Structures are given as C-alpha cells and as structure tokens.
Amino acid sequence: MANHKSALKRIRANEKKKLANRYYAKTMRHMLRDFRALTNKAEAEQALPKLVSTIDRLAKRTVIHKNKAANLKSKCMKQVSAL
C-alpha cells in the first residue's frame, strides 16, 4: 500500500482515468461494430468522418496505440471503398 499522501491521490486519479479510458474505448468499439454492419455506401461515407475523428482522439490520448488507430482507419476506408 502507498505510504505517501500524494501516492494515495495518484492511485485515486489513476482509477478515475482508467474508468474513463475504458468507457471511451468501449464506445469506439461499439461505433466500429455499427460501422462494419453498414451495407449502404452513402451511410458508410457519412459515418466515416465521425468514426475516424473518435479513433484519432483516442490515439492522441493514448487510450489506443497510434498504430492500432491507423490500422482501424485503414480497414474502415477499405470497407467504404468496397461497398
């Protein structure tokens, strides 16, 4: 267990950040799931910018790795092109 007041505070802060990061990562996964289910090209093109923006934001905050973000975006772009 932590011995210093600042260490205890850091533990509390890290727990809050962990919960927030899990929420945002889960939200992104739901957006991806819904995006992958789209079969209409117009709808997919409309949903793509918001999805890419969300993925970029999570990569910037290191919730997900930048290479994972690039891979996810690439796969989404390919899907839209294939429709």
N, C-alpha and C. Protein backbone atom coordinates (compact mmCIF):
# COMPACT_ATOMS: atom_id res chain seq x y z
N MET A 1 0.84 -1.19 0.00
CA MET A 1 0.00 0.00 0.00
C MET A 1 0.87 1.24 0.00
N ALA A 2 0.35 2.31 -0.56
CA ALA A 2 1.11 3.55 -0.67
C ALA A 2 1.34 4.17 0.71
N ASN A 3 2.48 4.80 0.85
CA ASN A 3 2.85 5.40 2.14
C ASN A 3 2.69 6.91 2.17
N HIS A 4 2.60 7.54 1.00
CA HIS A 4 2.55 9.00 0.96
C HIS A 4 1.17 9.46 0.51
N LYS A 5 0.84 10.66 1.00
CA LYS A 5 -0.44 11.25 0.65
C LYS A 5 -0.57 11.43 -0.86
N SER A 6 0.52 11.88 -1.50
CA SER A 6 0.49 12.11 -2.95
C SER A 6 0.34 10.79 -3.70
N ALA A 7 0.91 9.72 -3.18
CA ALA A 7 0.79 8.41 -3.84
C ALA A 7 -0.66 7.91 -3.75
N LEU A 8 -1.29 8.15 -2.63
CA LEU A 8 -2.70 7.76 -2.49
C LEU A 8 -3.57 8.54 -3.47
N LYS A 9 -3.27 9.84 -3.61
CA LYS A 9 -4.02 10.67 -4.55
C LYS A 9 -3.80 10.17 -5.99
N ARG A 10 -2.58 9.82 -6.31
CA ARG A 10 -2.26 9.33 -7.66
C ARG A 10 -3.02 8.03 -7.94
N ILE A 11 -3.16 7.18 -6.94
CA ILE A 11 -3.91 5.93 -7.12
C ILE A 11 -5.37 6.24 -7.42
N ARG A 12 -5.95 7.20 -6.68
CA ARG A 12 -7.34 7.58 -6.92
C ARG A 12 -7.51 8.17 -8.32
N ALA A 13 -6.59 9.05 -8.70
CA ALA A 13 -6.68 9.69 -10.01
C ALA A 13 -6.55 8.67 -11.12
N ASN A 14 -5.61 7.74 -10.97
CA ASN A 14 -5.40 6.71 -12.00
C ASN A 14 -6.64 5.84 -12.17
N GLU A 15 -7.31 5.56 -11.07
CA GLU A 15 -8.52 4.74 -11.15
C GLU A 15 -9.62 5.47 -11.93
N LYS A 16 -9.77 6.75 -11.70
CA LYS A 16 -10.76 7.54 -12.43
C LYS A 16 -10.43 7.58 -13.92
N LYS A 17 -9.14 7.79 -14.23
CA LYS A 17 -8.72 7.84 -15.63
C LYS A 17 -8.92 6.49 -16.30
N LYS A 18 -8.66 5.41 -15.56
CA LYS A 18 -8.83 4.07 -16.13
C LYS A 18 -10.28 3.84 -16.50
N LEU A 19 -11.20 4.23 -15.64
CA LEU A 19 -12.62 4.05 -15.92
C LEU A 19 -13.05 4.88 -17.13
N ALA A 20 -12.55 6.12 -17.22
CA ALA A 20 -12.89 6.97 -18.35
C ALA A 20 -12.34 6.39 -19.64
N ASN A 21 -11.10 5.92 -19.62
CA ASN A 21 -10.49 5.34 -20.81
C ASN A 21 -11.24 4.10 -21.27
N ARG A 22 -11.66 3.27 -20.32
CA ARG A 22 -12.42 2.07 -20.67
C ARG A 22 -13.74 2.45 -21.32
N TYR A 23 -14.38 3.50 -20.82
CA TYR A 23 -15.64 3.95 -21.39
C TYR A 23 -15.44 4.39 -22.84
N TYR A 24 -14.42 5.22 -23.08
CA TYR A 24 -14.19 5.73 -24.43
C TYR A 24 -13.78 4.63 -25.39
N ALA A 25 -12.97 3.69 -24.92
CA ALA A 25 -12.56 2.57 -25.78
C ALA A 25 -13.75 1.70 -26.13
N LYS A 26 -14.61 1.48 -25.16
CA LYS A 26 -15.81 0.66 -25.40
C LYS A 26 -16.74 1.37 -26.38
N THR A 27 -16.89 2.68 -26.22
CA THR A 27 -17.72 3.46 -27.12
C THR A 27 -17.20 3.36 -28.55
N MET A 28 -15.87 3.42 -28.71
CA MET A 28 -15.27 3.31 -30.03
C MET A 28 -15.54 1.93 -30.62
N ARG A 29 -15.45 0.89 -29.81
CA ARG A 29 -15.71 -0.47 -30.30
C ARG A 29 -17.16 -0.61 -30.76
N HIS A 30 -18.09 0.01 -30.04
CA HIS A 30 -19.49 -0.02 -30.46
C HIS A 30 -19.67 0.71 -31.78
N MET A 31 -18.99 1.86 -31.93
CA MET A 31 -19.07 2.60 -33.19
C MET A 31 -18.52 1.76 -34.34
N LEU A 32 -17.41 1.06 -34.09
CA LEU A 32 -16.83 0.20 -35.12
C LEU A 32 -17.79 -0.93 -35.49
N ARG A 33 -18.39 -1.53 -34.50
CA ARG A 33 -19.33 -2.62 -34.75
C ARG A 33 -20.49 -2.14 -35.62
N ASP A 34 -21.04 -0.98 -35.27
CA ASP A 34 -22.15 -0.44 -36.05
C ASP A 34 -21.71 -0.06 -37.46
N PHE A 35 -20.49 0.47 -37.57
CA PHE A 35 -19.97 0.87 -38.88
C PHE A 35 -19.78 -0.35 -39.78
N ARG A 36 -19.23 -1.41 -39.22
CA ARG A 36 -18.97 -2.62 -40.01
C ARG A 36 -20.26 -3.29 -40.47
N ALA A 37 -21.35 -3.01 -39.77
CA ALA A 37 -22.64 -3.61 -40.14
C ALA A 37 -23.31 -2.86 -41.28
N LEU A 38 -22.82 -1.67 -41.60
CA LEU A 38 -23.44 -0.88 -42.67
C LEU A 38 -23.21 -1.52 -44.04
N THR A 39 -24.26 -1.49 -44.86
CA THR A 39 -24.14 -2.03 -46.21
C THR A 39 -24.41 -0.97 -47.28
N ASN A 40 -24.91 0.16 -46.87
CA ASN A 40 -25.18 1.26 -47.79
C ASN A 40 -23.96 2.19 -47.84
N LYS A 41 -23.45 2.42 -49.04
CA LYS A 41 -22.23 3.23 -49.19
C LYS A 41 -22.44 4.66 -48.72
N ALA A 42 -23.59 5.24 -48.99
CA ALA A 42 -23.85 6.62 -48.58
C ALA A 42 -23.84 6.75 -47.06
N GLU A 43 -24.47 5.81 -46.39
CA GLU A 43 -24.47 5.84 -44.92
C GLU A 43 -23.07 5.66 -44.37
N ALA A 44 -22.31 4.75 -44.98
CA ALA A 44 -20.95 4.50 -44.50
C ALA A 44 -20.07 5.72 -44.69
N GLU A 45 -20.20 6.40 -45.82
CA GLU A 45 -19.42 7.61 -46.06
C GLU A 45 -19.79 8.72 -45.09
N GLN A 46 -21.04 8.74 -44.69
CA GLN A 46 -21.49 9.75 -43.73
C GLN A 46 -20.98 9.44 -42.32
N ALA A 47 -20.90 8.16 -41.97
CA ALA A 47 -20.48 7.77 -40.62
C ALA A 47 -18.96 7.75 -40.47
N LEU A 48 -18.24 7.65 -41.57
CA LEU A 48 -16.78 7.50 -41.51
C LEU A 48 -16.07 8.67 -40.84
N PRO A 49 -16.34 9.93 -41.15
CA PRO A 49 -15.59 11.02 -40.51
C PRO A 49 -15.71 11.04 -38.99
N LYS A 50 -16.88 10.76 -38.47
CA LYS A 50 -17.06 10.75 -37.02
C LYS A 50 -16.27 9.62 -36.38
N LEU A 51 -16.27 8.46 -37.04
CA LEU A 51 -15.53 7.32 -36.53
C LEU A 51 -14.03 7.61 -36.55
N VAL A 52 -13.54 8.15 -37.65
CA VAL A 52 -12.11 8.47 -37.76
C VAL A 52 -11.71 9.50 -36.72
N SER A 53 -12.56 10.48 -36.51
CA SER A 53 -12.29 11.51 -35.51
C SER A 53 -12.17 10.90 -34.12
N THR A 54 -13.07 10.00 -33.79
CA THR A 54 -13.05 9.34 -32.49
C THR A 54 -11.79 8.51 -32.32
N ILE A 55 -11.44 7.76 -33.35
CA ILE A 55 -10.24 6.92 -33.28
C ILE A 55 -9.00 7.79 -33.10
N ASP A 56 -8.91 8.90 -33.85
CA ASP A 56 -7.77 9.80 -33.72
C ASP A 56 -7.67 10.39 -32.32
N ARG A 57 -8.81 10.75 -31.78
CA ARG A 57 -8.82 11.35 -30.44
C ARG A 57 -8.31 10.36 -29.41
N LEU A 58 -8.73 9.10 -29.53
CA LEU A 58 -8.28 8.09 -28.56
C LEU A 58 -6.80 7.80 -28.73
N ALA A 59 -6.32 7.82 -29.96
CA ALA A 59 -4.88 7.60 -30.18
C ALA A 59 -4.07 8.76 -29.61
N LYS A 60 -4.59 9.98 -29.77
CA LYS A 60 -3.89 11.15 -29.25
C LYS A 60 -3.77 11.08 -27.73
N ARG A 61 -4.80 10.57 -27.09
CA ARG A 61 -4.79 10.46 -25.63
C ARG A 61 -4.19 9.14 -25.16
N THR A 62 -3.65 8.37 -26.07
CA THR A 62 -3.03 7.06 -25.81
C THR A 62 -3.95 6.07 -25.11
N VAL A 63 -5.24 6.18 -25.41
CA VAL A 63 -6.17 5.15 -24.95
C VAL A 63 -5.95 3.91 -25.81
N ILE A 64 -5.70 4.14 -27.11
CA ILE A 64 -5.29 3.06 -28.00
C ILE A 64 -3.97 3.47 -28.66
N HIS A 65 -3.21 2.50 -29.13
CA HIS A 65 -1.92 2.78 -29.75
C HIS A 65 -2.11 3.44 -31.11
N LYS A 66 -1.18 4.30 -31.48
CA LYS A 66 -1.31 5.04 -32.75
C LYS A 66 -1.32 4.09 -33.95
N ASN A 67 -0.58 3.00 -33.88
CA ASN A 67 -0.57 2.04 -35.00
C ASN A 67 -1.90 1.31 -35.08
N LYS A 68 -2.49 1.00 -33.94
CA LYS A 68 -3.81 0.36 -33.95
C LYS A 68 -4.83 1.30 -34.57
N ALA A 69 -4.72 2.57 -34.23
CA ALA A 69 -5.63 3.57 -34.80
C ALA A 69 -5.48 3.62 -36.32
N ALA A 70 -4.24 3.60 -36.78
CA ALA A 70 -4.00 3.64 -38.23
C ALA A 70 -4.57 2.40 -38.91
N ASN A 71 -4.40 1.25 -38.29
CA ASN A 71 -4.93 0.01 -38.86
C ASN A 71 -6.46 0.02 -38.91
N LEU A 72 -7.08 0.50 -37.85
CA LEU A 72 -8.55 0.56 -37.81
C LEU A 72 -9.08 1.49 -38.89
N LYS A 73 -8.46 2.65 -39.01
CA LYS A 73 -8.91 3.62 -40.02
C LYS A 73 -8.73 3.06 -41.42
N SER A 74 -7.61 2.40 -41.64
CA SER A 74 -7.34 1.82 -42.96
C SER A 74 -8.39 0.78 -43.33
N LYS A 75 -8.74 -0.08 -42.38
CA LYS A 75 -9.74 -1.11 -42.64
C LYS A 75 -11.11 -0.49 -42.92
N CYS A 76 -11.43 0.57 -42.21
CA CYS A 76 -12.71 1.24 -42.43
C CYS A 76 -12.76 1.88 -43.82
N MET A 77 -11.65 2.51 -44.21
CA MET A 77 -11.59 3.13 -45.55
C MET A 77 -11.74 2.06 -46.64
N LYS A 78 -11.09 0.93 -46.44
CA LYS A 78 -11.19 -0.16 -47.41
C LYS A 78 -12.62 -0.65 -47.52
N GLN A 79 -13.31 -0.74 -46.38
CA GLN A 79 -14.68 -1.21 -46.37
C GLN A 79 -15.56 -0.26 -47.17
N VAL A 80 -15.39 1.04 -46.98
CA VAL A 80 -16.20 2.02 -47.71
C VAL A 80 -15.91 1.91 -49.19
N SER A 81 -14.66 1.74 -49.57
CA SER A 81 -14.30 1.62 -50.98
C SER A 81 -14.91 0.38 -51.61
N ALA A 82 -15.00 -0.68 -50.82
CA ALA A 82 -15.51 -1.95 -51.35
C ALA A 82 -17.03 -1.95 -51.54
N LEU A 83 -17.72 -1.05 -50.84
CA LEU A 83 -19.19 -1.03 -50.95
C LEU A 83 -19.63 -0.55 -52.32
